Protein backbone atom coordinates (compact mmCIF):
# COMPACT_ATOMS: atom_id res chain seq x y z
CA MET A 1 0.00 0.01 0.00
CA THR A 2 1.28 3.50 -0.84
CA GLN A 3 1.46 5.74 2.22
CA GLY A 4 -0.96 8.65 2.21
CA LEU A 5 -3.53 7.16 -0.16
CA PRO A 6 -7.03 6.46 1.11
CA VAL A 7 -7.95 2.83 1.75
CA THR A 8 -11.41 1.64 0.76
CA VAL A 9 -12.82 -0.33 3.67
CA HIS A 10 -15.49 -2.99 3.57
CA SER A 11 -18.42 -1.63 5.49
CA ALA A 12 -21.95 -2.73 6.20
CA HIS A 13 -22.90 0.95 5.76
CA VAL A 14 -22.36 0.92 1.97
CA GLY A 15 -25.75 1.27 0.37
CA GLU A 16 -27.39 2.58 3.56
CA ASP A 17 -29.08 5.98 3.93
CA PHE A 18 -28.01 8.37 6.68
CA GLU A 19 -29.11 11.84 7.76
CA VAL A 20 -26.48 14.59 7.69
CA HIS A 21 -26.41 16.01 11.22
CA TYR A 22 -23.64 18.62 10.76
CA ARG A 23 -25.71 21.80 10.84
CA TRP A 24 -23.34 23.87 8.65
CA HIS A 25 -23.34 21.44 5.72
CA PRO A 26 -25.65 22.19 2.74
CA TYR A 27 -27.19 18.70 3.15
CA PHE A 28 -28.03 19.25 6.83
CA GLY A 29 -31.18 17.37 7.80
CA ARG A 30 -31.30 15.55 4.46
CA MET A 31 -30.83 11.86 3.73
CA VAL A 32 -27.75 10.74 1.79
CA ASN A 33 -26.77 7.31 0.45
CA VAL A 34 -23.33 5.90 1.31
CA ARG A 35 -21.57 4.67 -1.84
CA ARG A 36 -18.10 3.94 -0.35
CA VAL A 37 -16.24 4.18 2.96
CA GLU A 38 -12.58 5.23 2.98
CA GLN A 39 -10.10 5.24 5.86
CA ARG A 40 -7.58 8.07 5.62
CA ALA A 41 -4.85 9.29 7.96
CA THR A 42 -7.29 11.96 9.16
CA GLY A 43 -10.20 9.62 9.79
CA GLN A 44 -13.11 7.92 8.09
CA PHE A 45 -14.67 9.47 5.00
CA LEU A 46 -17.89 8.61 3.20
CA ARG A 47 -18.51 8.90 -0.52
CA ILE A 48 -22.19 9.80 -0.53
CA ARG A 49 -24.92 10.45 -3.09
CA GLY A 50 -26.84 13.47 -1.97
CA PRO A 51 -30.42 14.63 -2.58
CA LEU A 52 -29.62 15.88 -6.09
CA SER A 53 -27.70 12.65 -6.98
CA THR A 54 -24.38 14.43 -6.73
CA VAL A 55 -21.59 12.22 -5.31
CA ILE A 56 -19.31 13.95 -2.82
CA THR A 57 -17.01 12.96 0.03
CA ILE A 58 -17.71 13.99 3.63
CA PRO A 59 -16.11 13.09 6.96
CA GLY A 60 -17.95 10.24 8.65
CA TRP A 61 -18.62 12.23 11.82
CA MET A 62 -21.04 14.49 9.84
CA VAL A 63 -23.66 11.71 9.99
CA ASP A 64 -23.08 11.10 13.72
CA PRO A 65 -25.89 12.79 15.68
CA ILE A 66 -24.00 12.66 18.98
CA ALA A 67 -20.81 14.23 17.62
CA CYS A 68 -22.72 16.96 15.82
CA ALA A 69 -25.08 17.74 18.72
CA GLU A 70 -22.12 18.94 20.77
CA MET A 71 -21.14 21.54 18.14
CA THR A 72 -22.21 25.12 18.66
CA SER A 73 -21.44 28.24 16.70
CA GLY A 74 -20.12 30.17 19.69
CA PRO A 75 -19.60 33.94 19.78
CA PRO A 76 -19.04 35.90 16.54
CA GLN A 77 -15.48 35.60 15.25
CA VAL A 78 -15.43 38.49 12.76
CA ASP A 79 -14.48 41.99 13.87
CA LEU A 80 -16.92 44.77 12.92
CA ALA A 81 -14.05 46.88 11.55
CA ALA A 82 -13.11 44.03 9.18
CA LEU A 83 -16.71 43.81 7.93
CA LEU A 84 -16.84 47.54 7.32
CA GLU A 85 -13.56 47.37 5.38
CA LEU A 86 -14.96 44.50 3.31
CA LYS A 87 -18.06 46.55 2.62
CA ARG A 88 -15.92 49.43 1.44
CA LEU A 89 -13.80 47.21 -0.83
CA VAL A 90 -16.90 45.61 -2.42
CA THR A 91 -18.48 49.03 -2.98
CA VAL A 92 -15.30 50.45 -4.53
CA SER A 93 -14.62 47.46 -6.77
CA THR A 94 -18.17 46.79 -7.95
CA GLY A 95 -20.02 50.03 -7.44
CA VAL A 96 -22.69 48.09 -5.53
CA GLN A 97 -23.66 49.54 -2.16
CA ILE A 98 -24.01 46.88 0.55
CA TRP A 99 -26.03 47.69 3.66
CA LEU A 100 -24.91 46.41 7.05
């Protein structure tokens, strides 16, 4: 086996449907079908077919309701001054006024 390449693992989950529990994923709350399970150095990844039949790869923990239930957004992480500067740059470069 070549180091660093993902390893396809046999899994009873292939062909099963799971709900995406990670609230910041576009498929949150939707059912996806597992097409393949891969074990990588950074963890387990699932090749899934989503609601629009698009096949993508997501980390396995995104379908784990317990792991995802513990995640919260926390306090805002963007400084107001940075947002105002971004607004200025967008307005200058596009001529479109953005309201904050």
